[in-house]
Amino acid sequence: MKLIFFIIPVVVVGWIIGWVNVPGPSYQGLAKPAFNPPNWVFAPVWTALYVMIGAVGCRLWERAPDKGLRALWIAQLALNYAWSPAFFGAENPGLALLVISLLLATILA
């Protein structure tokens, strides 16, 4: 039951951010590589990723009392949430690159 209480909020917030930050004309106008997936793939893939992030958060809270690890989990979640508003909402690739760089650092940590 605890697992559901972690996963649902993580996924719902991700969905809300996705609905509010829809790719606009600037994204549509970008030259994309041939391996760029079709748009319909993103929603199920991000939903699956957020489910996994929620599951990891639940496991972390149950088994690792280390507050540093919990802070890293919260930081990576916040940075995951921040990327779409930076890239799609603000249409600021530089800010999105900063966010994704910080996200990579938290994941590696």
C-alpha atoms as a PDB file:
ATOM      1  CA  MET A   1       0.000   0.000   0.000  1.00  0.00           C
ATOM      2  CA  LYS A   2       2.886   2.324   0.788  1.00  0.00           C
ATOM      3  CA  LEU A   3       4.220   1.696  -2.722  1.00  0.00           C
ATOM      4  CA  ILE A   4       1.003   3.067  -4.248  1.00  0.00           C
ATOM      5  CA  PHE A   5       1.267   6.199  -2.075  1.00  0.00           C
ATOM      6  CA  PHE A   6       4.716   6.836  -3.539  1.00  0.00           C
ATOM      7  CA  ILE A   7       3.962   5.991  -7.158  1.00  0.00           C
ATOM      8  CA  ILE A   8       0.645   7.783  -7.645  1.00  0.00           C
ATOM      9  CA  PRO A   9       1.808  11.285  -6.623  1.00  0.00           C
ATOM     10  CA  VAL A  10       5.042  10.965  -8.628  1.00  0.00           C
ATOM     11  CA  VAL A  11       3.131   9.914 -11.751  1.00  0.00           C
ATOM     12  CA  VAL A  12       0.299  12.442 -11.345  1.00  0.00           C
ATOM     13  CA  VAL A  13       2.699  15.370 -10.930  1.00  0.00           C
ATOM     14  CA  GLY A  14       4.614  14.149 -13.984  1.00  0.00           C
ATOM     15  CA  TRP A  15       1.387  13.996 -16.007  1.00  0.00           C
ATOM     16  CA  ILE A  16       0.387  17.498 -14.925  1.00  0.00           C
ATOM     17  CA  ILE A  17       3.780  18.876 -15.896  1.00  0.00           C
ATOM     18  CA  GLY A  18       3.497  17.098 -19.249  1.00  0.00           C
ATOM     19  CA  TRP A  19       0.026  18.526 -19.914  1.00  0.00           C
ATOM     20  CA  VAL A  20       1.103  22.055 -18.982  1.00  0.00           C
ATOM     21  CA  ASN A  21       4.337  21.957 -21.010  1.00  0.00           C
ATOM     22  CA  VAL A  22       3.262  20.603 -24.383  1.00  0.00           C
ATOM     23  CA  PRO A  23       5.893  20.780 -27.135  1.00  0.00           C
ATOM     24  CA  GLY A  24       5.109  23.812 -29.267  1.00  0.00           C
ATOM     25  CA  PRO A  25       6.099  25.068 -32.692  1.00  0.00           C
ATOM     26  CA  SER A  26       9.717  25.668 -31.651  1.00  0.00           C
ATOM     27  CA  TYR A  27      10.108  21.950 -30.851  1.00  0.00           C
ATOM     28  CA  GLN A  28       8.258  20.898 -33.984  1.00  0.00           C
ATOM     29  CA  GLY A  29      10.656  23.049 -36.019  1.00  0.00           C
ATOM     30  CA  LEU A  30      13.803  21.385 -34.662  1.00  0.00           C
ATOM     31  CA  ALA A  31      15.790  19.128 -36.967  1.00  0.00           C
ATOM     32  CA  LYS A  32      15.518  15.722 -35.306  1.00  0.00           C
ATOM     33  CA  PRO A  33      17.574  12.607 -36.034  1.00  0.00           C
ATOM     34  CA  ALA A  34      16.044   9.649 -37.839  1.00  0.00           C
ATOM     35  CA  PHE A  35      16.000   7.636 -34.596  1.00  0.00           C
ATOM     36  CA  ASN A  36      13.776  10.207 -32.841  1.00  0.00           C
ATOM     37  CA  PRO A  37      10.773   8.220 -31.572  1.00  0.00           C
ATOM     38  CA  PRO A  38       7.233   9.185 -32.564  1.00  0.00           C
ATOM     39  CA  ASN A  39       5.422  11.575 -30.214  1.00  0.00           C
ATOM     40  CA  TRP A  40       2.976   8.922 -28.946  1.00  0.00           C
ATOM     41  CA  VAL A  41       5.869   6.997 -27.334  1.00  0.00           C
ATOM     42  CA  PHE A  42       6.751   9.695 -24.820  1.00  0.00           C
ATOM     43  CA  ALA A  43       3.684   9.495 -22.552  1.00  0.00           C
ATOM     44  CA  PRO A  44       3.881   5.738 -21.857  1.00  0.00           C
ATOM     45  CA  VAL A  45       7.667   5.791 -21.500  1.00  0.00           C
ATOM     46  CA  TRP A  46       7.641   8.724 -19.072  1.00  0.00           C
ATOM     47  CA  THR A  47       4.792   7.138 -17.139  1.00  0.00           C
ATOM     48  CA  ALA A  48       6.850   3.942 -16.784  1.00  0.00           C
ATOM     49  CA  LEU A  49       9.894   5.959 -15.704  1.00  0.00           C
ATOM     50  CA  TYR A  50       7.871   7.848 -13.079  1.00  0.00           C
ATOM     51  CA  VAL A  51       6.443   4.550 -11.792  1.00  0.00           C
ATOM     52  CA  MET A  52      10.005   3.274 -11.367  1.00  0.00           C
ATOM     53  CA  ILE A  53      11.112   6.532  -9.702  1.00  0.00           C
ATOM     54  CA  GLY A  54       8.185   6.235  -7.267  1.00  0.00           C
ATOM     55  CA  ALA A  55       9.033   2.585  -6.544  1.00  0.00           C
ATOM     56  CA  VAL A  56      12.651   3.481  -5.868  1.00  0.00           C
ATOM     57  CA  GLY A  57      11.527   6.282  -3.546  1.00  0.00           C
ATOM     58  CA  CYS A  58       9.328   3.872  -1.592  1.00  0.00           C
ATOM     59  CA  ARG A  59      12.123   1.328  -1.303  1.00  0.00           C
ATOM     60  CA  LEU A  60      14.559   4.047  -0.267  1.00  0.00           C
ATOM     61  CA  TRP A  61      12.263   5.279   2.507  1.00  0.00           C
ATOM     62  CA  GLU A  62      11.667   1.728   3.754  1.00  0.00           C
ATOM     63  CA  ARG A  63      15.227   0.411   3.671  1.00  0.00           C
ATOM     64  CA  ALA A  64      17.704   3.297   3.703  1.00  0.00           C
ATOM     65  CA  PRO A  65      17.444   5.718   6.600  1.00  0.00           C
ATOM     66  CA  ASP A  66      20.314   7.737   5.085  1.00  0.00           C
ATOM     67  CA  LYS A  67      18.977  11.282   4.705  1.00  0.00           C
ATOM     68  CA  GLY A  68      21.617  12.024   2.069  1.00  0.00           C
ATOM     69  CA  LEU A  69      20.210   9.325  -0.232  1.00  0.00           C
ATOM     70  CA  ARG A  70      16.700  10.590   0.345  1.00  0.00           C
ATOM     71  CA  ALA A  71      17.816  14.125  -0.513  1.00  0.00           C
ATOM     72  CA  LEU A  72      19.376  12.854  -3.748  1.00  0.00           C
ATOM     73  CA  TRP A  73      16.134  11.078  -4.651  1.00  0.00           C
ATOM     74  CA  ILE A  74      14.138  14.260  -4.024  1.00  0.00           C
ATOM     75  CA  ALA A  75      16.664  16.326  -5.999  1.00  0.00           C
ATOM     76  CA  GLN A  76      16.577  14.002  -9.029  1.00  0.00           C
ATOM     77  CA  LEU A  77      12.777  13.968  -8.945  1.00  0.00           C
ATOM     78  CA  ALA A  78      12.624  17.769  -8.789  1.00  0.00           C
ATOM     79  CA  LEU A  79      15.123  18.042 -11.649  1.00  0.00           C
ATOM     80  CA  ASN A  80      13.144  15.493 -13.685  1.00  0.00           C
ATOM     81  CA  TYR A  81      10.082  17.651 -13.149  1.00  0.00           C
ATOM     82  CA  ALA A  82      11.999  20.850 -13.994  1.00  0.00           C
ATOM     83  CA  TRP A  83      13.279  19.755 -17.392  1.00  0.00           C
ATOM     84  CA  SER A  84      10.006  19.971 -19.356  1.00  0.00           C
ATOM     85  CA  PRO A  85       9.150  23.459 -18.075  1.00  0.00           C
ATOM     86  CA  ALA A  86      12.689  24.593 -18.916  1.00  0.00           C
ATOM     87  CA  PHE A  87      12.775  23.099 -22.412  1.00  0.00           C
ATOM     88  CA  PHE A  88       9.154  23.180 -23.566  1.00  0.00           C
ATOM     89  CA  GLY A  89       7.606  25.819 -21.296  1.00  0.00           C
ATOM     90  CA  ALA A  90      10.367  28.419 -21.285  1.00  0.00           C
ATOM     91  CA  GLU A  91      11.750  27.230 -24.647  1.00  0.00           C
ATOM     92  CA  ASN A  92      15.199  27.691 -23.159  1.00  0.00           C
ATOM     93  CA  PRO A  93      17.618  24.963 -24.330  1.00  0.00           C
ATOM     94  CA  GLY A  94      20.454  26.409 -22.234  1.00  0.00           C
ATOM     95  CA  LEU A  95      18.417  26.173 -19.045  1.00  0.00           C
ATOM     96  CA  ALA A  96      17.259  22.673 -20.034  1.00  0.00           C
ATOM     97  CA  LEU A  97      20.890  21.649 -20.552  1.00  0.00           C
ATOM     98  CA  LEU A  98      21.749  22.952 -17.084  1.00  0.00           C
ATOM     99  CA  VAL A  99      18.835  21.033 -15.571  1.00  0.00           C
ATOM    100  CA  ILE A 100      19.756  17.809 -17.367  1.00  0.00           C
ATOM    101  CA  SER A 101      23.420  18.221 -16.328  1.00  0.00           C
ATOM    102  CA  LEU A 102      22.400  18.607 -12.688  1.00  0.00           C
ATOM    103  CA  LEU A 103      20.070  15.627 -13.069  1.00  0.00           C
ATOM    104  CA  LEU A 104      22.919  13.508 -14.394  1.00  0.00           C
ATOM    105  CA  ALA A 105      25.063  14.564 -11.434  1.00  0.00           C
ATOM    106  CA  THR A 106      22.377  13.511  -8.947  1.00  0.00           C
ATOM    107  CA  ILE A 107      21.880  10.185 -10.695  1.00  0.00           C
ATOM    108  CA  LEU A 108      25.620   9.476 -10.689  1.00  0.00           C
ATOM    109  CA  ALA A 109      25.876  10.500  -7.026  1.00  0.00           C
END
